[in-house]
Protein backbone atom coordinates (compact mmCIF):
# COMPACT_ATOMS: atom_id res chain seq x y z
CA MET A 1 18.30 4.86 -69.02
CA SER A 2 15.98 2.63 -70.60
CA GLY A 3 16.35 -0.58 -72.20
CA VAL A 4 15.10 1.27 -75.27
CA ASN A 5 17.31 4.39 -75.08
CA ALA A 6 20.76 1.51 -74.82
CA GLY A 7 19.64 -0.13 -78.02
CA THR A 8 18.97 2.96 -80.11
CA ALA A 9 22.58 3.04 -81.54
CA GLY A 10 22.67 -0.07 -82.58
CA GLY A 11 20.21 0.48 -85.46
CA THR A 12 23.10 1.32 -87.98
CA SER A 13 25.63 -1.58 -86.63
CA GLY A 14 26.07 -3.99 -88.65
CA TRP A 15 26.57 -7.92 -87.94
CA PHE A 16 29.96 -7.82 -87.16
CA GLN A 17 29.90 -4.89 -84.69
CA ARG A 18 26.99 -6.79 -83.06
CA TYR A 19 28.26 -10.22 -82.84
CA VAL A 20 31.80 -10.05 -83.58
CA LEU A 21 33.88 -7.21 -81.89
CA PRO A 22 32.54 -7.79 -78.25
CA GLY A 23 34.43 -10.96 -78.10
CA PHE A 24 37.44 -9.08 -80.22
CA ALA A 25 37.07 -6.61 -77.29
CA PHE A 26 36.71 -8.78 -74.71
CA LYS A 27 40.05 -11.06 -76.03
CA ALA A 28 41.49 -7.69 -76.10
CA LEU A 29 41.25 -6.97 -71.96
CA VAL A 30 42.39 -11.37 -71.72
CA ILE A 31 44.83 -11.77 -73.62
CA GLY A 32 48.06 -9.07 -71.98
CA GLY A 33 51.27 -10.32 -71.36
CA GLY A 34 50.52 -13.72 -69.73
CA TYR A 35 48.02 -15.54 -72.07
CA ALA A 36 50.53 -14.11 -75.29
CA THR A 37 53.68 -15.65 -74.02
CA GLY A 38 51.94 -18.96 -72.61
CA ARG A 39 52.80 -18.31 -69.26
CA GLU A 40 49.27 -18.28 -67.90
CA LEU A 41 48.34 -21.32 -69.63
CA ALA A 42 51.46 -23.39 -68.67
CA GLU A 43 50.55 -22.11 -64.78
CA PHE A 44 46.57 -23.16 -65.27
CA PHE A 45 46.20 -25.49 -67.64
CA LEU A 46 49.18 -27.66 -68.79
CA PRO A 47 49.39 -29.42 -65.45
CA SER A 48 46.22 -31.08 -65.95
CA GLY A 49 47.72 -32.80 -69.16
CA PRO A 50 46.80 -32.39 -73.08
CA TRP A 51 43.21 -33.26 -72.88
CA GLY A 52 42.62 -31.18 -69.08
CA GLY A 53 44.15 -28.39 -70.09
CA VAL A 54 41.52 -28.66 -73.18
CA LEU A 55 38.24 -29.38 -70.83
CA GLY A 56 39.52 -26.43 -68.26
CA MET A 57 40.28 -24.00 -71.52
CA ALA A 58 36.85 -24.89 -72.36
CA LEU A 59 35.18 -24.19 -69.34
CA ALA A 60 36.91 -21.40 -68.86
CA ALA A 61 35.55 -20.36 -72.09
CA ALA A 62 31.49 -21.25 -71.56
CA ILE A 63 31.89 -19.31 -67.75
CA TRP A 64 33.09 -16.05 -69.96
CA SER A 65 30.30 -16.88 -72.49
CA ALA A 66 27.94 -16.70 -69.60
CA VAL A 67 28.93 -14.06 -67.74
CA ALA A 68 29.57 -11.73 -70.30
CA ALA A 69 25.81 -12.80 -72.10
CA ALA A 70 24.26 -11.75 -68.86
CA THR A 71 26.66 -8.69 -68.44
CA PHE A 72 25.94 -7.60 -72.33
CA ALA A 73 22.06 -8.14 -71.50
CA PHE A 74 21.72 -6.02 -67.94
CA ALA A 75 23.75 -3.10 -68.89
CA ARG A 76 21.63 -2.61 -72.61
CA ALA A 77 18.13 -2.68 -70.28
CA THR A 78 19.79 -0.41 -67.97
CA GLY A 79 21.59 1.46 -70.59
CA ALA A 80 24.93 1.62 -68.91
CA GLN A 81 27.77 2.37 -71.01
CA ASP A 82 30.84 2.22 -68.53
CA TYR A 83 31.83 -0.21 -65.52
CA ARG A 84 30.63 2.89 -62.72
CA SER A 85 27.41 2.97 -64.40
CA PHE A 86 26.86 -0.84 -64.57
CA PHE A 87 27.58 -1.22 -60.86
CA ARG A 88 25.40 1.67 -59.85
CA GLU A 89 22.77 -0.31 -61.52
CA LEU A 90 23.67 -3.83 -59.86
CA LEU A 91 25.39 -2.93 -56.51
CA GLY A 92 23.34 0.47 -55.88
CA PRO A 93 25.27 2.13 -52.66
CA ALA A 94 27.99 -0.24 -52.80
CA TRP A 95 28.97 -0.08 -56.54
CA PHE A 96 32.40 1.76 -55.60
CA LEU A 97 33.16 -1.77 -54.43
CA PHE A 98 34.48 -2.57 -57.68
CA GLU A 99 35.95 0.69 -58.21
CA ILE A 100 38.15 0.09 -55.50
CA GLY A 101 39.07 -3.97 -57.02
CA PHE A 102 39.64 -2.27 -60.70
CA VAL A 103 41.62 0.60 -59.72
CA MET A 104 44.04 -2.19 -57.58
CA LEU A 105 43.70 -4.59 -60.92
CA MET A 106 44.44 -1.81 -63.34
CA ILE A 107 47.68 -0.94 -61.88
CA ILE A 108 49.63 -4.16 -61.61
CA MET A 109 48.13 -4.99 -65.11
CA LEU A 110 49.33 -2.11 -66.60
CA ALA A 111 53.21 -2.19 -64.86
CA VAL A 112 53.20 -5.53 -66.15
CA PHE A 113 52.66 -4.56 -70.05
CA GLY A 114 54.91 -1.75 -69.67
CA ALA A 115 57.52 -4.48 -68.13
CA ALA A 116 56.95 -7.42 -70.71
CA ALA A 117 57.06 -4.24 -73.49
CA GLY A 118 60.29 -3.20 -72.30
CA ALA A 119 61.46 -6.56 -72.38
CA ILE A 120 60.42 -7.40 -76.33
CA GLY A 121 62.09 -4.13 -77.07
CA ALA A 122 65.56 -5.33 -75.33
CA ALA A 123 65.01 -8.92 -76.76
CA LEU A 124 64.21 -7.41 -80.69
CA PHE A 125 66.79 -4.37 -80.54
CA GLY A 126 68.64 -4.31 -78.06
CA TRP A 127 66.81 -1.57 -76.55
CA PRO A 128 67.37 -0.14 -73.00
CA THR A 129 63.82 -1.22 -71.13
CA ILE A 130 62.89 1.71 -71.02
CA VAL A 131 62.72 2.32 -74.76
CA GLY A 132 60.00 -0.36 -75.38
CA THR A 133 58.27 0.42 -72.30
CA MET A 134 57.86 4.42 -73.30
CA LEU A 135 56.71 3.21 -77.02
CA LEU A 136 54.10 1.34 -75.39
CA VAL A 137 52.98 4.07 -73.04
CA VAL A 138 52.86 6.38 -76.29
CA LEU A 139 50.44 4.58 -78.22
CA ILE A 140 48.21 3.75 -75.45
CA ALA A 141 48.00 6.89 -74.88
CA GLY A 142 47.22 7.86 -78.55
CA PHE A 143 44.81 5.07 -79.31
CA ALA A 144 42.72 5.95 -76.01
CA ALA A 145 43.00 9.95 -76.77
CA PHE A 146 40.33 9.37 -79.84
CA GLY A 147 37.87 7.50 -78.04
CA THR A 148 35.67 4.48 -78.46
CA GLU A 149 35.53 4.49 -82.49
CA ALA A 150 39.92 4.50 -82.38
CA VAL A 151 40.21 1.93 -79.90
CA GLU A 152 37.54 -0.63 -81.91
CA ASP A 153 39.47 -0.26 -84.57
CA LEU A 154 42.42 -1.33 -82.65
CA PHE A 155 40.42 -4.10 -81.68
CA LYS A 156 39.40 -5.32 -84.62
CA TYR A 157 42.81 -5.01 -87.12
CA VAL A 158 44.97 -6.44 -83.86
CA SER A 159 42.82 -9.27 -83.63
CA PHE A 160 43.09 -10.34 -87.54
CA LEU A 161 46.81 -10.17 -86.97
CA LEU A 162 46.76 -12.05 -83.54
CA TYR A 163 44.50 -14.94 -85.16
CA ALA A 164 46.92 -14.95 -88.59
CA VAL A 165 49.74 -15.27 -86.22
CA TYR A 166 48.89 -18.17 -83.80
CA ALA A 167 46.98 -19.82 -87.05
CA LEU A 168 50.60 -19.34 -88.72
CA PHE A 169 52.04 -21.11 -85.55
CA LEU A 170 49.91 -23.46 -85.36
CA VAL A 171 50.56 -25.08 -88.76
CA LEU A 172 54.38 -24.56 -88.64
CA ALA A 173 54.23 -26.56 -85.62
CA LEU A 174 52.31 -29.47 -86.90
CA THR A 175 54.67 -29.20 -89.37
CA SER A 176 57.59 -29.58 -87.35
CA PHE A 177 56.93 -31.78 -84.43
CA GLY A 178 53.04 -32.46 -85.39
CA ASP A 179 54.18 -36.28 -84.79
CA ARG A 180 55.27 -34.91 -80.78
CA ILE A 181 52.07 -33.53 -80.57
CA ALA A 182 50.06 -36.43 -82.06
CA ALA A 183 51.40 -38.90 -79.90
CA THR A 184 50.97 -36.96 -76.64
CA TYR A 185 47.08 -36.32 -77.36
CA ALA A 186 47.07 -40.26 -78.25
CA THR A 187 48.39 -41.69 -75.30
CA ALA A 188 47.69 -38.83 -72.88
CA ALA A 189 44.34 -39.23 -69.92
CA PRO A 190 42.60 -36.03 -68.23
CA ALA A 191 44.52 -35.35 -65.46
CA PRO A 192 42.70 -34.63 -62.04
CA GLY A 193 42.65 -30.22 -61.60
CA TRP A 194 41.46 -28.88 -64.94
CA ILE A 195 38.19 -27.98 -62.92
CA ALA A 196 39.83 -25.74 -60.67
CA GLY A 197 42.04 -24.58 -63.71
CA GLY A 198 39.12 -23.25 -65.44
CA LEU A 199 37.41 -22.17 -62.23
CA THR A 200 40.70 -20.14 -61.33
CA TYR A 201 41.55 -18.89 -64.57
CA ALA A 202 37.73 -18.02 -65.63
CA GLY A 203 37.60 -15.94 -62.55
CA TYR A 204 41.03 -14.42 -62.71
CA ASN A 205 39.82 -12.46 -66.18
CA ILE A 206 36.29 -12.33 -66.43
CA VAL A 207 36.25 -8.97 -65.14
CA GLY A 208 37.26 -7.66 -68.68
CA ALA A 209 33.89 -8.47 -69.74
CA VAL A 210 32.35 -5.26 -67.95
CA LEU A 211 35.07 -3.21 -69.12
CA ILE A 212 34.28 -3.32 -72.53
CA LEU A 213 30.70 -2.37 -71.92
CA PRO A 214 30.67 0.70 -74.93
CA VAL A 215 30.02 -2.11 -77.73
CA VAL A 216 26.85 -2.61 -76.23
CA ARG A 217 25.62 0.49 -78.67
CA HIS A 218 25.47 -1.38 -81.44
CA MET A 219 23.56 -4.03 -80.10
CA ARG A 220 19.98 -3.41 -81.58
CA ASN A 221 17.80 -5.79 -78.83
CA GLN A 222 18.46 -8.23 -76.01
CA ARG A 223 18.94 -11.39 -78.80
CA ASP A 224 21.97 -9.41 -80.05
CA ALA A 225 23.72 -9.13 -76.30
CA VAL A 226 23.47 -12.55 -75.94
CA ILE A 227 24.58 -13.82 -79.13
CA ALA A 228 27.61 -11.43 -78.62
CA GLY A 229 28.13 -12.58 -75.16
CA LEU A 230 27.88 -16.27 -76.03
CA LEU A 231 30.39 -15.67 -78.85
CA ALA A 232 32.65 -13.96 -76.41
CA GLY A 233 34.12 -16.84 -75.14
CA PRO A 234 35.06 -18.87 -77.64
CA LEU A 235 36.59 -15.90 -79.84
CA ALA A 236 38.50 -14.76 -76.71
CA MET A 237 39.51 -18.34 -75.92
CA LEU A 238 41.00 -19.89 -79.63
CA PRO A 239 44.07 -17.95 -80.01
CA ALA A 240 45.11 -19.89 -76.82
CA LEU A 241 43.57 -23.19 -77.58
CA LEU A 242 46.18 -22.98 -80.79
CA PHE A 243 49.22 -22.37 -78.63
CA PHE A 244 48.17 -24.81 -76.20
CA ILE A 245 47.95 -27.78 -78.98
CA CYS A 246 51.08 -27.13 -79.86
CA MET A 247 53.04 -26.61 -75.88
CA ALA A 248 50.97 -29.79 -74.19
CA ALA A 249 54.01 -31.54 -76.87
CA TRP A 250 56.76 -30.44 -74.50
CA PRO A 251 55.93 -30.85 -70.74
CA GLU A 252 58.77 -29.24 -69.53
CA VAL A 253 57.35 -25.74 -70.74
CA THR A 254 55.72 -25.77 -67.33
CA GLY A 255 58.81 -24.22 -65.74
CA VAL A 256 59.57 -21.88 -68.57
CA ALA A 257 59.56 -18.14 -67.79
CA LEU A 258 58.78 -17.76 -71.54
CA PRO A 259 56.69 -20.86 -72.99
CA SER A 260 56.30 -18.81 -76.19
CA ASP A 261 60.04 -18.70 -76.87
CA PHE A 262 60.87 -22.25 -75.80
CA LEU A 263 58.43 -23.01 -78.57
CA LEU A 264 59.90 -20.91 -81.14
CA GLU A 265 63.37 -22.16 -80.39
CA ARG A 266 62.10 -25.62 -81.46
CA LEU A 267 61.20 -23.92 -84.64
CA ASN A 268 64.14 -22.60 -85.02
CA LEU A 269 62.62 -19.99 -88.37
CA PRO A 270 63.89 -16.00 -86.98
CA PRO A 271 61.33 -14.40 -88.98
CA VAL A 272 58.44 -16.40 -87.89
CA ARG A 273 60.02 -15.54 -83.65
CA TRP A 274 59.91 -11.71 -85.04
CA ALA A 275 56.00 -11.90 -85.85
CA PHE A 276 55.53 -13.50 -82.61
CA GLN A 277 57.42 -11.22 -80.88
CA ILE A 278 55.44 -8.44 -82.87
CA MET A 279 52.21 -9.96 -82.27
CA ILE A 280 53.12 -9.92 -78.47
CA PHE A 281 53.80 -6.81 -77.96
CA SER A 282 50.21 -5.70 -80.01
CA ALA A 283 48.46 -7.85 -77.92
CA LEU A 284 49.69 -5.77 -74.78
CA LEU A 285 49.04 -2.55 -76.83
CA GLU A 286 45.66 -3.52 -77.39
CA SER A 287 45.41 -5.04 -73.78
CA GLY A 288 46.65 -1.63 -71.92
CA THR A 289 44.24 0.02 -74.79
CA GLY A 290 41.20 -1.80 -73.28
CA VAL A 291 42.10 -0.80 -69.92
CA VAL A 292 42.64 2.74 -69.77
CA HIS A 293 39.73 3.48 -72.27
CA ALA A 294 37.47 1.75 -69.48
CA PHE A 295 38.94 3.92 -66.87
CA ASN A 296 38.67 7.03 -69.29
CA GLN A 297 35.20 6.16 -70.14
CA ARG A 298 34.05 6.13 -66.28
CA ILE A 299 35.56 9.58 -65.63
CA ALA A 300 33.83 11.02 -68.73
CA GLY A 301 30.71 8.99 -67.77
CA ALA A 302 31.01 11.07 -64.39
CA PHE A 303 32.18 14.36 -65.40
CA GLY A 304 32.42 14.61 -68.60
CA LYS A 305 30.07 16.68 -70.89
CA GLY A 306 27.31 14.87 -72.72
CA GLY A 307 28.91 12.02 -71.33
CA ASP A 308 32.15 12.38 -73.28
CA LEU A 309 35.73 13.44 -72.64
CA PRO A 310 38.10 15.58 -75.73
CA PRO A 311 40.67 13.72 -77.00
CA ARG A 312 42.87 16.45 -74.92
CA SER A 313 42.10 15.30 -71.97
CA ARG A 314 41.57 11.82 -72.88
CA LEU A 315 45.08 11.87 -73.79
CA ILE A 316 46.19 13.76 -70.10
CA ILE A 317 44.30 11.59 -68.10
CA SER A 318 45.75 8.40 -69.96
CA LEU A 319 49.12 9.68 -69.49
CA VAL A 320 49.15 10.61 -66.23
CA LEU A 321 47.32 6.13 -65.14
CA LEU A 322 50.11 5.06 -67.32
CA THR A 323 52.90 7.22 -65.46
CA VAL A 324 51.81 6.30 -62.34
CA ALA A 325 50.95 2.53 -63.09
CA VAL A 326 54.21 1.45 -65.53
CA PHE A 327 57.00 3.54 -63.25
CA LEU A 328 55.86 4.15 -59.75
CA ALA A 329 54.27 0.99 -59.09
CA ASP A 330 56.91 -0.70 -58.30
CA ARG A 331 59.15 1.74 -56.33
CA ILE A 332 56.21 2.33 -54.06
CA GLY A 333 55.77 -1.36 -53.68
CA LEU A 334 52.09 -1.65 -55.21
CA VAL A 335 52.69 -4.46 -57.39
CA GLY A 336 54.20 -6.93 -54.74
CA LEU A 337 50.98 -6.11 -52.43
CA ILE A 338 48.94 -6.62 -55.27
CA ALA A 339 50.18 -9.29 -56.87
CA GLY A 340 50.16 -10.88 -53.71
CA GLY A 341 46.89 -10.81 -52.74
CA TYR A 342 45.45 -11.08 -56.76
CA ARG A 343 44.09 -14.50 -56.38
CA TYR A 344 41.93 -13.02 -53.65
CA LEU A 345 41.30 -9.92 -55.24
CA SER A 346 39.92 -12.22 -58.04
CA PHE A 347 37.57 -13.75 -55.98
CA GLY A 348 36.45 -10.59 -54.96
CA PHE A 349 35.04 -9.78 -58.37
CA LEU A 350 33.42 -13.08 -58.03
CA ALA A 351 31.74 -12.11 -54.78
CA ILE A 352 30.98 -8.34 -56.15
CA TYR A 353 30.60 -9.32 -59.71
CA VAL A 354 29.85 -12.66 -61.02
CA LEU A 355 27.40 -13.64 -58.32
CA PRO A 356 25.41 -10.51 -57.81
CA LEU A 357 24.74 -10.36 -61.94
CA LEU A 358 23.93 -14.04 -61.98
CA THR A 359 21.42 -13.86 -59.66
CA ILE A 360 20.35 -10.20 -58.36
CA GLY A 361 20.92 -9.34 -62.25
CA LEU A 362 18.95 -12.43 -63.88
CA TRP A 363 16.01 -11.90 -61.67
CA ARG A 364 15.81 -8.23 -62.40
CA LEU A 365 15.98 -9.38 -66.16
CA SER A 366 13.42 -11.86 -65.39
CA ARG A 367 10.72 -8.73 -64.60
CA GLY A 368 11.16 -7.06 -67.89
CA PRO A 369 12.75 -4.87 -70.24
CA ARG A 370 13.13 -1.85 -68.27
CA VAL A 371 15.47 -2.79 -65.07
CA THR A 372 16.70 0.39 -63.94
CA ALA A 373 16.37 0.83 -60.20
CA GLY A 374 17.49 4.86 -60.51
CA ALA A 375 20.76 3.59 -58.43
CA ALA A 376 22.26 5.83 -60.96
CA ALA A 377 21.22 9.00 -59.89
């Protein structure tokens, strides 16, 4: 495909679809269970102190923006609207290396999402954990079955909920223990390790940029692709920053499994705790739907008629994938195996995605608007 073909669909799209929606979609892929609960923030940023954590988050957001901008521009120029066609263009015969890594990543992500949803159902309603997990499975499969437009609507409306809840949480935290937050930031200095934390977290999640390529169809030109990519980093990191500002006032939260619950207990406002848990479940829903939709789009690109699949096929694929990931991964030992090598998996994505994109990909983009190498044949 040519860059011209890739951009025609953007002719009727407004500024929201072209510039903001990609950032919402990217945020949907990275927020998951660890970001939403604060566990990943405590792991990667809090050890560097309040200001060190903010610097590390700024670094991670900058990396996300740079890679997302390059990803969207390369995808638009080559007409790639799913990760399979993207890597056929970028890596040629070695494209399958990303597929191997992504399948392993997908299994552990969906398994973790399912477990987290079960825990939320148990905490809020006293349900057996299987009930919360099943509810998440049904909702993910339902949204994924109706294709790209339904998934994009989910990203949009859940994003509004997320930003609203995080903003409310910040306001209440400042009201409740704002003096403690102010004192913490007034006396702290950046601690060593914030660069490593930012780099690790960025690499840990950057794969999300290539999983949301259907949004590229809204972009009219390469300028749209670059602007959308540059906005994606800040849009994805903003809720985390709001939460981290509050979290940094309590250094002991580093060793807590669920930092969000720790801080909600300090607020002592049960309705806010409910709202936050519902928000986390919504984050799991959009993250899981984003992952499953990326896989459906890959199948559609390879086997679908006209590059698409009917809702029934998407539903069946989603249910099978979710069943395998959520219910069988732990029993056959895949979760432990993959989790044990997760950092190596992140390094693998840097090697087969980020490095080629920022070298070969940018070089090919510099040669002109038509960069398709014919590898997709």
